């Protein structure tokens, strides 16, 4: 391979790595990003949910999915109408009539809670890890000028997926403790 070809391959690999990272960032911003910001409490409260009922939710396979509550959402602004919404991954099973400050994302209500943080963090991590592994492999290609084998990147990606699982469980368990202290 000539020096000019090697430099072109390096440039394309670097450009590809940047494109993969940009795509990953855009997907996180588009898909789990708004829910993650809402469950972490990083944006202002949109309104209040007057709880009508709470129940143990089930996921698509029938496994326990945390607590969900239904109720009437009242926006902070005086001009917006009230409406029925679902509070996903509630911090507790609230009594009917309880007022819960919530943030609205894509028509559903969210509040800071351990299960919600764990779920949103897991979705974000499981989405990012494959893109990061691919970008790492492309950066290696850009640095050395040749592709090489990707076993180390595959093993790192698998370890990253395991770490995402462990960290999301830890976040779900520790988030209520941290918010109680702060």
N, C-alpha and C. Protein backbone atom coordinates (compact mmCIF):
# COMPACT_ATOMS: atom_id res chain seq x y z
N UNK A 1 0.85 -1.16 0.00
CA UNK A 1 0.00 0.00 0.00
C UNK A 1 0.90 1.24 0.00
N UNK A 2 0.61 2.18 -0.86
CA UNK A 2 1.42 3.39 -0.95
C UNK A 2 1.11 4.32 0.21
N UNK A 3 2.01 5.27 0.42
CA UNK A 3 1.84 6.22 1.53
C UNK A 3 0.57 7.07 1.34
N UNK A 4 0.30 7.47 0.11
CA UNK A 4 -0.90 8.27 -0.16
C UNK A 4 -2.18 7.49 0.10
N UNK A 5 -2.19 6.22 -0.28
CA UNK A 5 -3.36 5.38 -0.04
C UNK A 5 -3.55 5.15 1.45
N UNK A 6 -2.44 4.94 2.16
CA UNK A 6 -2.52 4.71 3.60
C UNK A 6 -3.06 5.95 4.32
N UNK A 7 -2.63 7.12 3.88
CA UNK A 7 -3.14 8.36 4.47
C UNK A 7 -4.62 8.55 4.18
N UNK A 8 -5.05 8.18 2.97
CA UNK A 8 -6.46 8.29 2.61
C UNK A 8 -7.31 7.34 3.46
N UNK A 9 -6.81 6.12 3.67
CA UNK A 9 -7.53 5.16 4.50
C UNK A 9 -7.63 5.67 5.93
N UNK A 10 -6.55 6.25 6.43
CA UNK A 10 -6.57 6.81 7.79
C UNK A 10 -7.59 7.94 7.90
N UNK A 11 -7.62 8.80 6.90
CA UNK A 11 -8.56 9.92 6.92
C UNK A 11 -10.01 9.42 6.87
N UNK A 12 -10.26 8.43 6.01
CA UNK A 12 -11.61 7.87 5.93
C UNK A 12 -12.02 7.18 7.23
N UNK A 13 -11.10 6.47 7.86
CA UNK A 13 -11.40 5.81 9.12
C UNK A 13 -11.69 6.83 10.21
N UNK A 14 -10.93 7.91 10.24
CA UNK A 14 -11.16 8.97 11.22
C UNK A 14 -12.50 9.65 10.97
N UNK A 15 -12.81 9.92 9.73
CA UNK A 15 -14.09 10.51 9.37
C UNK A 15 -15.24 9.56 9.73
N UNK A 16 -15.06 8.27 9.46
CA UNK A 16 -16.08 7.28 9.81
C UNK A 16 -16.30 7.20 11.31
N UNK A 17 -15.24 7.27 12.07
CA UNK A 17 -15.36 7.24 13.53
C UNK A 17 -16.14 8.45 14.02
N UNK A 18 -15.83 9.61 13.48
CA UNK A 18 -16.57 10.82 13.86
C UNK A 18 -18.04 10.72 13.48
N UNK A 19 -18.32 10.15 12.31
CA UNK A 19 -19.71 9.99 11.87
C UNK A 19 -20.47 9.01 12.78
N UNK A 20 -19.81 7.93 13.18
CA UNK A 20 -20.44 6.94 14.07
C UNK A 20 -20.75 7.59 15.42
N UNK A 21 -19.82 8.37 15.96
CA UNK A 21 -20.06 9.04 17.24
C UNK A 21 -21.17 10.08 17.13
N UNK A 22 -21.21 10.81 16.01
CA UNK A 22 -22.28 11.78 15.80
C UNK A 22 -23.64 11.08 15.70
N UNK A 23 -23.69 9.97 14.99
CA UNK A 23 -24.93 9.20 14.88
C UNK A 23 -25.38 8.68 16.25
N UNK A 24 -24.43 8.19 17.04
CA UNK A 24 -24.76 7.70 18.38
C UNK A 24 -25.32 8.82 19.25
N UNK A 25 -24.68 9.98 19.22
CA UNK A 25 -25.17 11.12 19.99
C UNK A 25 -26.56 11.55 19.56
N UNK A 26 -26.79 11.57 18.25
CA UNK A 26 -28.10 11.96 17.74
C UNK A 26 -29.18 10.95 18.17
N UNK A 27 -28.87 9.66 18.09
CA UNK A 27 -29.84 8.64 18.50
C UNK A 27 -30.15 8.71 19.99
N UNK A 28 -29.14 8.96 20.81
CA UNK A 28 -29.39 9.10 22.25
C UNK A 28 -30.25 10.33 22.51
N UNK A 29 -29.95 11.42 21.84
CA UNK A 29 -30.73 12.63 22.01
C UNK A 29 -32.18 12.42 21.55
N UNK A 30 -32.35 11.66 20.49
CA UNK A 30 -33.67 11.43 19.92
C UNK A 30 -34.49 10.41 20.70
N UNK A 31 -33.88 9.29 21.11
CA UNK A 31 -34.64 8.19 21.70
C UNK A 31 -34.72 8.26 23.24
N UNK A 32 -33.69 7.88 24.00
CA UNK A 32 -33.86 7.87 25.45
C UNK A 32 -33.48 9.18 26.14
N UNK A 33 -32.89 10.11 25.43
CA UNK A 33 -32.40 11.34 26.04
C UNK A 33 -33.45 12.15 26.79
N UNK A 34 -34.59 12.45 26.18
CA UNK A 34 -35.59 13.25 26.90
C UNK A 34 -36.12 12.56 28.17
N UNK A 35 -36.32 11.24 28.12
CA UNK A 35 -36.76 10.52 29.32
C UNK A 35 -35.68 10.54 30.39
N UNK A 36 -34.42 10.37 30.00
CA UNK A 36 -33.33 10.38 30.97
C UNK A 36 -33.23 11.73 31.66
N UNK A 37 -33.37 12.81 30.92
CA UNK A 37 -33.34 14.15 31.51
C UNK A 37 -34.51 14.33 32.46
N UNK A 38 -35.67 13.82 32.10
CA UNK A 38 -36.86 13.96 32.94
C UNK A 38 -36.74 13.16 34.23
N UNK A 39 -36.28 11.91 34.15
CA UNK A 39 -36.22 11.08 35.37
C UNK A 39 -35.08 11.47 36.28
N UNK A 40 -34.06 12.13 35.74
CA UNK A 40 -32.98 12.63 36.58
C UNK A 40 -33.36 13.96 37.24
N UNK A 41 -34.48 14.56 36.80
CA UNK A 41 -34.92 15.82 37.37
C UNK A 41 -34.09 17.00 36.91
N UNK A 42 -33.52 16.92 35.71
CA UNK A 42 -32.65 17.97 35.20
C UNK A 42 -33.39 19.08 34.48
N UNK A 43 -34.69 18.95 34.33
CA UNK A 43 -35.46 20.03 33.74
C UNK A 43 -36.60 20.38 34.67
N UNK A 44 -37.18 21.56 34.52
CA UNK A 44 -38.22 21.98 35.46
C UNK A 44 -39.47 21.11 35.38
N UNK A 45 -40.21 21.13 36.46
CA UNK A 45 -41.47 20.38 36.52
C UNK A 45 -42.46 21.03 35.56
N UNK A 46 -43.18 20.18 34.79
CA UNK A 46 -44.16 20.68 33.83
C UNK A 46 -45.53 20.90 34.44
N UNK A 47 -45.84 20.16 35.49
CA UNK A 47 -47.16 20.26 36.11
C UNK A 47 -47.33 19.24 37.20
N UNK A 48 -48.59 19.00 37.56
CA UNK A 48 -48.90 18.10 38.67
C UNK A 48 -49.86 17.02 38.18
N UNK A 49 -49.63 15.81 38.67
CA UNK A 49 -50.51 14.68 38.36
C UNK A 49 -51.33 14.38 39.60
N UNK A 50 -52.65 14.45 39.48
CA UNK A 50 -53.54 14.03 40.56
C UNK A 50 -53.82 12.54 40.33
N UNK A 51 -53.25 11.70 41.18
CA UNK A 51 -53.30 10.25 40.99
C UNK A 51 -54.72 9.73 41.21
N UNK A 52 -55.18 8.91 40.26
CA UNK A 52 -56.47 8.25 40.43
C UNK A 52 -56.29 6.79 40.82
N UNK A 53 -55.23 6.13 40.30
CA UNK A 53 -54.92 4.76 40.72
C UNK A 53 -53.48 4.42 40.36
N UNK A 54 -52.90 3.54 41.16
CA UNK A 54 -51.56 3.01 40.91
C UNK A 54 -51.66 1.48 40.90
N UNK A 55 -50.81 0.86 40.12
CA UNK A 55 -50.83 -0.60 40.00
C UNK A 55 -49.45 -1.10 39.61
N UNK A 56 -49.23 -2.37 39.84
CA UNK A 56 -47.98 -3.02 39.44
C UNK A 56 -48.04 -3.28 37.95
N UNK A 57 -47.12 -2.69 37.22
CA UNK A 57 -47.10 -2.82 35.77
C UNK A 57 -46.39 -4.10 35.35
N UNK A 58 -46.72 -4.57 34.18
CA UNK A 58 -46.07 -5.73 33.57
C UNK A 58 -45.47 -5.30 32.25
N UNK A 59 -44.30 -5.88 31.90
CA UNK A 59 -43.72 -5.57 30.60
C UNK A 59 -44.34 -6.47 29.53
N UNK A 60 -43.82 -6.41 28.32
CA UNK A 60 -44.39 -7.15 27.20
C UNK A 60 -44.37 -8.66 27.41
N UNK A 61 -43.39 -9.17 28.17
CA UNK A 61 -43.29 -10.61 28.42
C UNK A 61 -44.05 -11.04 29.66
N UNK A 62 -44.65 -10.09 30.38
CA UNK A 62 -45.41 -10.43 31.58
C UNK A 62 -44.63 -10.34 32.88
N UNK A 63 -43.38 -9.87 32.82
CA UNK A 63 -42.57 -9.74 34.02
C UNK A 63 -42.91 -8.43 34.73
N UNK A 64 -42.66 -8.36 36.04
CA UNK A 64 -42.94 -7.11 36.77
C UNK A 64 -42.17 -5.94 36.17
N UNK A 65 -42.86 -4.84 35.99
CA UNK A 65 -42.25 -3.67 35.36
C UNK A 65 -42.29 -2.44 36.22
N UNK A 66 -42.44 -2.60 37.54
CA UNK A 66 -42.47 -1.43 38.42
C UNK A 66 -43.89 -0.98 38.68
N UNK A 67 -44.01 0.22 39.18
CA UNK A 67 -45.31 0.79 39.51
C UNK A 67 -45.67 1.87 38.49
N UNK A 68 -46.89 1.83 38.02
CA UNK A 68 -47.41 2.87 37.14
C UNK A 68 -48.64 3.46 37.79
N UNK A 69 -48.85 4.74 37.53
CA UNK A 69 -50.01 5.44 38.08
C UNK A 69 -50.72 6.17 36.95
N UNK A 70 -52.03 6.21 37.06
CA UNK A 70 -52.84 6.97 36.12
C UNK A 70 -53.47 8.12 36.88
N UNK A 71 -53.73 9.19 36.16
CA UNK A 71 -54.35 10.33 36.82
C UNK A 71 -54.55 11.48 35.86
N UNK A 72 -54.99 12.60 36.42
CA UNK A 72 -55.26 13.79 35.64
C UNK A 72 -54.08 14.75 35.80
N UNK A 73 -53.51 15.12 34.68
CA UNK A 73 -52.36 16.02 34.65
C UNK A 73 -52.84 17.45 34.49
N UNK A 74 -52.34 18.32 35.36
CA UNK A 74 -52.63 19.74 35.29
C UNK A 74 -51.33 20.49 35.00
N UNK A 75 -51.22 21.12 33.82
CA UNK A 75 -49.99 21.84 33.48
C UNK A 75 -49.79 23.05 34.38
N UNK A 76 -48.54 23.50 34.47
CA UNK A 76 -48.22 24.69 35.27
C UNK A 76 -48.86 25.93 34.68
N UNK A 77 -48.83 26.03 33.36
CA UNK A 77 -49.43 27.19 32.70
C UNK A 77 -50.95 27.17 32.86
N UNK A 78 -51.54 28.32 33.04
CA UNK A 78 -52.97 28.37 33.30
C UNK A 78 -53.82 28.11 32.05
N UNK A 79 -53.27 28.29 30.84
CA UNK A 79 -54.06 28.17 29.64
C UNK A 79 -54.19 26.77 29.08
N UNK A 80 -53.36 25.85 29.48
CA UNK A 80 -53.37 24.50 28.91
C UNK A 80 -54.45 23.65 29.57
N UNK A 81 -55.07 22.76 28.79
CA UNK A 81 -56.14 21.93 29.36
C UNK A 81 -55.60 20.77 30.20
N UNK A 82 -56.42 20.29 31.12
CA UNK A 82 -56.09 19.12 31.91
C UNK A 82 -56.36 17.88 31.06
N UNK A 83 -55.64 16.79 31.35
CA UNK A 83 -55.85 15.57 30.57
C UNK A 83 -55.37 14.36 31.37
N UNK A 84 -55.82 13.18 30.95
CA UNK A 84 -55.40 11.92 31.57
C UNK A 84 -54.02 11.55 31.04
N UNK A 85 -53.11 11.17 31.94
CA UNK A 85 -51.79 10.70 31.54
C UNK A 85 -51.37 9.52 32.41
N UNK A 86 -50.33 8.85 31.97
CA UNK A 86 -49.76 7.70 32.67
C UNK A 86 -48.41 8.10 33.24
N UNK A 87 -48.20 7.85 34.53
CA UNK A 87 -46.92 8.07 35.18
C UNK A 87 -46.16 6.75 35.15
N UNK A 88 -45.11 6.69 34.32
CA UNK A 88 -44.32 5.47 34.20
C UNK A 88 -43.26 5.41 35.27
N UNK A 89 -43.00 4.22 35.79
CA UNK A 89 -41.94 3.96 36.77
C UNK A 89 -42.03 4.94 37.93
N UNK A 90 -43.17 4.93 38.59
CA UNK A 90 -43.39 5.82 39.72
C UNK A 90 -42.45 5.47 40.88
N UNK A 91 -42.12 6.47 41.67
CA UNK A 91 -41.23 6.26 42.81
C UNK A 91 -41.93 5.46 43.91
N UNK A 92 -43.25 5.53 43.96
CA UNK A 92 -44.02 4.82 44.98
C UNK A 92 -45.42 4.56 44.46
N UNK A 93 -46.16 3.70 45.15
CA UNK A 93 -47.56 3.48 44.83
C UNK A 93 -48.35 4.54 45.60
N UNK A 94 -48.69 5.62 44.92
CA UNK A 94 -49.36 6.75 45.57
C UNK A 94 -50.83 6.44 45.84
N UNK A 95 -51.36 7.04 46.86
CA UNK A 95 -52.78 6.91 47.17
C UNK A 95 -53.59 7.76 46.18
N UNK A 96 -54.80 7.34 45.89
CA UNK A 96 -55.66 8.17 45.02
C UNK A 96 -55.82 9.57 45.62
N UNK A 97 -55.70 10.56 44.77
CA UNK A 97 -55.80 11.95 45.20
C UNK A 97 -54.46 12.62 45.47
N UNK A 98 -53.40 11.84 45.51
CA UNK A 98 -52.07 12.41 45.75
C UNK A 98 -51.66 13.30 44.58
N UNK A 99 -50.99 14.40 44.90
CA UNK A 99 -50.48 15.31 43.88
C UNK A 99 -48.98 15.06 43.70
N UNK A 100 -48.59 14.70 42.49
CA UNK A 100 -47.19 14.36 42.21
C UNK A 100 -46.66 15.33 41.15
N UNK A 101 -45.55 16.06 41.44
CA UNK A 101 -44.95 16.91 40.41
C UNK A 101 -44.29 16.03 39.34
N UNK A 102 -44.59 16.30 38.07
CA UNK A 102 -44.11 15.46 36.98
C UNK A 102 -43.56 16.30 35.84
N UNK A 103 -42.82 15.60 34.98
CA UNK A 103 -42.33 16.16 33.73
C UNK A 103 -42.95 15.32 32.61
N UNK A 104 -43.40 15.97 31.56
CA UNK A 104 -44.07 15.28 30.46
C UNK A 104 -43.10 15.10 29.30
N UNK A 105 -42.99 13.86 28.82
CA UNK A 105 -42.17 13.55 27.65
C UNK A 105 -42.98 12.61 26.76
N UNK A 106 -43.23 13.06 25.54
CA UNK A 106 -43.96 12.26 24.55
C UNK A 106 -45.29 11.75 25.09
N UNK A 107 -46.00 12.59 25.79
CA UNK A 107 -47.34 12.26 26.25
C UNK A 107 -47.42 11.43 27.52
N UNK A 108 -46.29 11.10 28.13
CA UNK A 108 -46.27 10.34 29.38
C UNK A 108 -45.59 11.16 30.46
N UNK A 109 -46.00 10.91 31.70
CA UNK A 109 -45.45 11.63 32.84
C UNK A 109 -44.29 10.85 33.43
N UNK A 110 -43.28 11.59 33.90
CA UNK A 110 -42.12 10.99 34.55
C UNK A 110 -41.79 11.79 35.80
N UNK A 111 -41.26 11.10 36.79
CA UNK A 111 -40.75 11.74 37.99
C UNK A 111 -39.41 11.10 38.33
N UNK A 112 -38.57 11.81 39.08
CA UNK A 112 -37.32 11.18 39.49
C UNK A 112 -37.58 9.95 40.37
N UNK A 113 -37.14 8.80 39.92
CA UNK A 113 -37.30 7.56 40.69
C UNK A 113 -36.21 6.58 40.30
N UNK A 114 -35.86 5.71 41.21
CA UNK A 114 -34.82 4.72 40.96
C UNK A 114 -35.10 3.83 39.77
N UNK A 115 -36.27 3.20 39.70
CA UNK A 115 -36.54 2.33 38.55
C UNK A 115 -36.49 3.07 37.21
N UNK A 116 -36.99 4.30 37.19
CA UNK A 116 -36.97 5.06 35.94
C UNK A 116 -35.55 5.42 35.53
N UNK A 117 -34.71 5.79 36.51
CA UNK A 117 -33.31 6.11 36.21
C UNK A 117 -32.58 4.86 35.71
N UNK A 118 -32.81 3.72 36.36
CA UNK A 118 -32.18 2.48 35.93
C UNK A 118 -32.58 2.09 34.52
N UNK A 119 -33.86 2.22 34.21
CA UNK A 119 -34.35 1.85 32.87
C UNK A 119 -33.80 2.79 31.81
N UNK A 120 -33.90 4.09 32.03
CA UNK A 120 -33.42 5.06 31.04
C UNK A 120 -31.90 4.96 30.88
N UNK A 121 -31.19 4.72 31.97
CA UNK A 121 -29.74 4.56 31.88
C UNK A 121 -29.35 3.31 31.12
N UNK A 122 -30.10 2.23 31.33
CA UNK A 122 -29.81 0.98 30.61
C UNK A 122 -30.06 1.14 29.12
N UNK A 123 -31.16 1.76 28.75
CA UNK A 123 -31.46 1.97 27.33
C UNK A 123 -30.38 2.84 26.69
N UNK A 124 -29.96 3.88 27.39
CA UNK A 124 -28.92 4.76 26.86
C UNK A 124 -27.60 4.00 26.70
N UNK A 125 -27.21 3.24 27.71
CA UNK A 125 -25.96 2.50 27.64
C UNK A 125 -25.98 1.41 26.58
N UNK A 126 -27.08 0.65 26.50
CA UNK A 126 -27.16 -0.41 25.50
C UNK A 126 -27.16 0.16 24.08
N UNK A 127 -27.62 1.39 23.94
CA UNK A 127 -27.58 2.04 22.64
C UNK A 127 -26.17 2.54 22.32
N UNK A 128 -25.48 3.08 23.31
CA UNK A 128 -24.16 3.69 23.08
C UNK A 128 -23.02 2.69 22.90
N UNK A 129 -23.02 1.60 23.66
CA UNK A 129 -21.86 0.70 23.67
C UNK A 129 -21.50 0.16 22.28
N UNK A 130 -22.42 -0.33 21.48
CA UNK A 130 -22.01 -0.82 20.15
C UNK A 130 -21.42 0.29 19.27
N UNK A 131 -21.97 1.49 19.36
CA UNK A 131 -21.43 2.60 18.57
C UNK A 131 -20.03 2.97 19.05
N UNK A 132 -19.82 2.95 20.36
CA UNK A 132 -18.49 3.27 20.89
C UNK A 132 -17.46 2.21 20.49
N UNK A 133 -17.86 0.95 20.46
CA UNK A 133 -16.95 -0.11 20.04
C UNK A 133 -16.57 0.05 18.57
N UNK A 134 -17.55 0.36 17.73
CA UNK A 134 -17.27 0.57 16.32
C UNK A 134 -16.37 1.79 16.11
N UNK A 135 -16.66 2.87 16.82
CA UNK A 135 -15.82 4.07 16.70
C UNK A 135 -14.40 3.79 17.18
N UNK A 136 -14.25 3.00 18.22
CA UNK A 136 -12.92 2.65 18.72
C UNK A 136 -12.15 1.83 17.68
N UNK A 137 -12.84 0.89 17.05
CA UNK A 137 -12.20 0.09 16.02
C UNK A 137 -11.76 0.97 14.84
N UNK A 138 -12.61 1.90 14.44
CA UNK A 138 -12.25 2.80 13.34
C UNK A 138 -11.10 3.73 13.73
N UNK A 139 -11.06 4.17 14.98
CA UNK A 139 -9.95 5.01 15.43
C UNK A 139 -8.63 4.23 15.41
N UNK A 140 -8.70 2.96 15.77
CA UNK A 140 -7.50 2.12 15.70
C UNK A 140 -7.03 2.01 14.26
N UNK A 141 -7.97 1.84 13.37
CA UNK A 141 -7.65 1.77 11.95
C UNK A 141 -7.01 3.08 11.49
N UNK A 142 -7.56 4.20 11.95
CA UNK A 142 -7.01 5.50 11.57
C UNK A 142 -5.60 5.70 12.12
N UNK A 143 -5.36 5.20 13.32
CA UNK A 143 -4.05 5.37 13.95
C UNK A 143 -2.99 4.49 13.27
N UNK A 144 -3.33 3.26 12.93
CA UNK A 144 -2.35 2.32 12.39
C UNK A 144 -2.33 2.23 10.86
N UNK A 145 -3.39 2.71 10.24
CA UNK A 145 -3.44 2.66 8.78
C UNK A 145 -3.90 1.34 8.21
N UNK A 146 -4.31 0.42 9.05
CA UNK A 146 -4.84 -0.87 8.59
C UNK A 146 -5.90 -1.33 9.58
N UNK A 147 -6.79 -2.19 9.10
CA UNK A 147 -7.93 -2.61 9.91
C UNK A 147 -7.59 -3.50 11.07
N UNK A 148 -6.93 -4.56 10.80
CA UNK A 148 -6.64 -5.51 11.86
C UNK A 148 -7.89 -6.26 12.28
N UNK A 149 -7.69 -7.10 13.27
CA UNK A 149 -8.80 -7.90 13.77
C UNK A 149 -9.49 -7.14 14.89
N UNK A 150 -10.75 -7.40 15.07
CA UNK A 150 -11.53 -6.65 16.04
C UNK A 150 -11.92 -7.42 17.28
N UNK A 151 -11.19 -8.50 17.60
CA UNK A 151 -11.57 -9.30 18.77
C UNK A 151 -11.53 -8.50 20.06
N UNK A 152 -10.52 -7.70 20.23
CA UNK A 152 -10.41 -6.91 21.45
C UNK A 152 -11.56 -5.92 21.57
N UNK A 153 -11.99 -5.36 20.45
CA UNK A 153 -13.10 -4.41 20.48
C UNK A 153 -14.42 -5.13 20.76
N UNK A 154 -14.56 -6.33 20.24
CA UNK A 154 -15.76 -7.12 20.52
C UNK A 154 -15.82 -7.50 22.00
N UNK A 155 -14.70 -7.93 22.55
CA UNK A 155 -14.66 -8.29 23.98
C UNK A 155 -14.93 -7.05 24.83
N UNK A 156 -14.37 -5.91 24.44
CA UNK A 156 -14.62 -4.67 25.18
C UNK A 156 -16.09 -4.28 25.09
N UNK A 157 -16.72 -4.49 23.93
CA UNK A 157 -18.13 -4.18 23.79
C UNK A 157 -18.98 -5.08 24.68
N UNK A 158 -18.67 -6.37 24.72
CA UNK A 158 -19.41 -7.28 25.59
C UNK A 158 -19.22 -6.91 27.06
N UNK A 159 -18.00 -6.56 27.44
CA UNK A 159 -17.75 -6.12 28.81
C UNK A 159 -18.50 -4.82 29.09
N UNK A 160 -18.56 -3.95 28.11
CA UNK A 160 -19.30 -2.70 28.26
C UNK A 160 -20.79 -2.93 28.46
N UNK A 161 -21.35 -3.88 27.72
CA UNK A 161 -22.77 -4.21 27.89
C UNK A 161 -23.04 -4.78 29.28
N UNK A 162 -22.13 -5.62 29.77
CA UNK A 162 -22.29 -6.14 31.14
C UNK A 162 -22.18 -5.01 32.15
N UNK A 163 -21.26 -4.09 31.92
CA UNK A 163 -21.10 -2.95 32.83
C UNK A 163 -22.34 -2.06 32.83
N UNK A 164 -22.95 -1.88 31.66
CA UNK A 164 -24.19 -1.08 31.58
C UNK A 164 -25.27 -1.73 32.44
N UNK A 165 -25.38 -3.05 32.35
CA UNK A 165 -26.40 -3.75 33.15
C UNK A 165 -26.14 -3.53 34.64
N UNK A 166 -24.91 -3.75 35.07
CA UNK A 166 -24.58 -3.60 36.50
C UNK A 166 -24.78 -2.16 36.95
N UNK A 167 -24.33 -1.20 36.16
CA UNK A 167 -24.46 0.20 36.54
C UNK A 167 -25.91 0.67 36.55
N UNK A 168 -26.73 0.15 35.64
CA UNK A 168 -28.15 0.55 35.66
C UNK A 168 -28.86 0.00 36.88
N UNK A 169 -28.53 -1.22 37.30
CA UNK A 169 -29.10 -1.77 38.52
C UNK A 169 -28.62 -0.96 39.73
N UNK A 170 -27.34 -0.64 39.76
CA UNK A 170 -26.80 0.17 40.86
C UNK A 170 -27.45 1.55 40.90
N UNK A 171 -27.65 2.16 39.75
CA UNK A 171 -28.29 3.47 39.70
C UNK A 171 -29.72 3.40 40.20
N UNK A 172 -30.44 2.34 39.82
CA UNK A 172 -31.81 2.18 40.27
C UNK A 172 -31.88 2.02 41.79
N UNK A 173 -30.91 1.34 42.36
CA UNK A 173 -30.90 1.13 43.81
C UNK A 173 -30.39 2.34 44.58
N UNK A 174 -29.39 3.05 44.03
CA UNK A 174 -28.76 4.15 44.76
C UNK A 174 -29.44 5.50 44.55
N UNK A 175 -30.17 5.68 43.46
CA UNK A 175 -30.79 6.98 43.18
C UNK A 175 -31.71 7.45 44.30
N UNK A 176 -32.57 6.59 44.85
CA UNK A 176 -33.41 7.08 45.96
C UNK A 176 -32.59 7.50 47.18
N UNK A 177 -31.49 6.81 47.44
CA UNK A 177 -30.65 7.19 48.58
C UNK A 177 -29.98 8.54 48.36
N UNK A 178 -29.49 8.75 47.15
CA UNK A 178 -28.83 10.01 46.84
C UNK A 178 -29.81 11.17 46.90
N UNK A 179 -31.00 10.99 46.35
CA UNK A 179 -31.98 12.08 46.37
C UNK A 179 -32.49 12.35 47.78
N UNK A 180 -32.52 11.32 48.63
CA UNK A 180 -32.93 11.52 50.01
C UNK A 180 -31.89 12.34 50.78
N UNK A 181 -30.62 12.13 50.48
CA UNK A 181 -29.55 12.86 51.16
C UNK A 181 -29.50 14.31 50.68
N UNK A 182 -29.70 14.51 49.39
CA UNK A 182 -29.64 15.86 48.84
C UNK A 182 -30.96 16.53 49.05
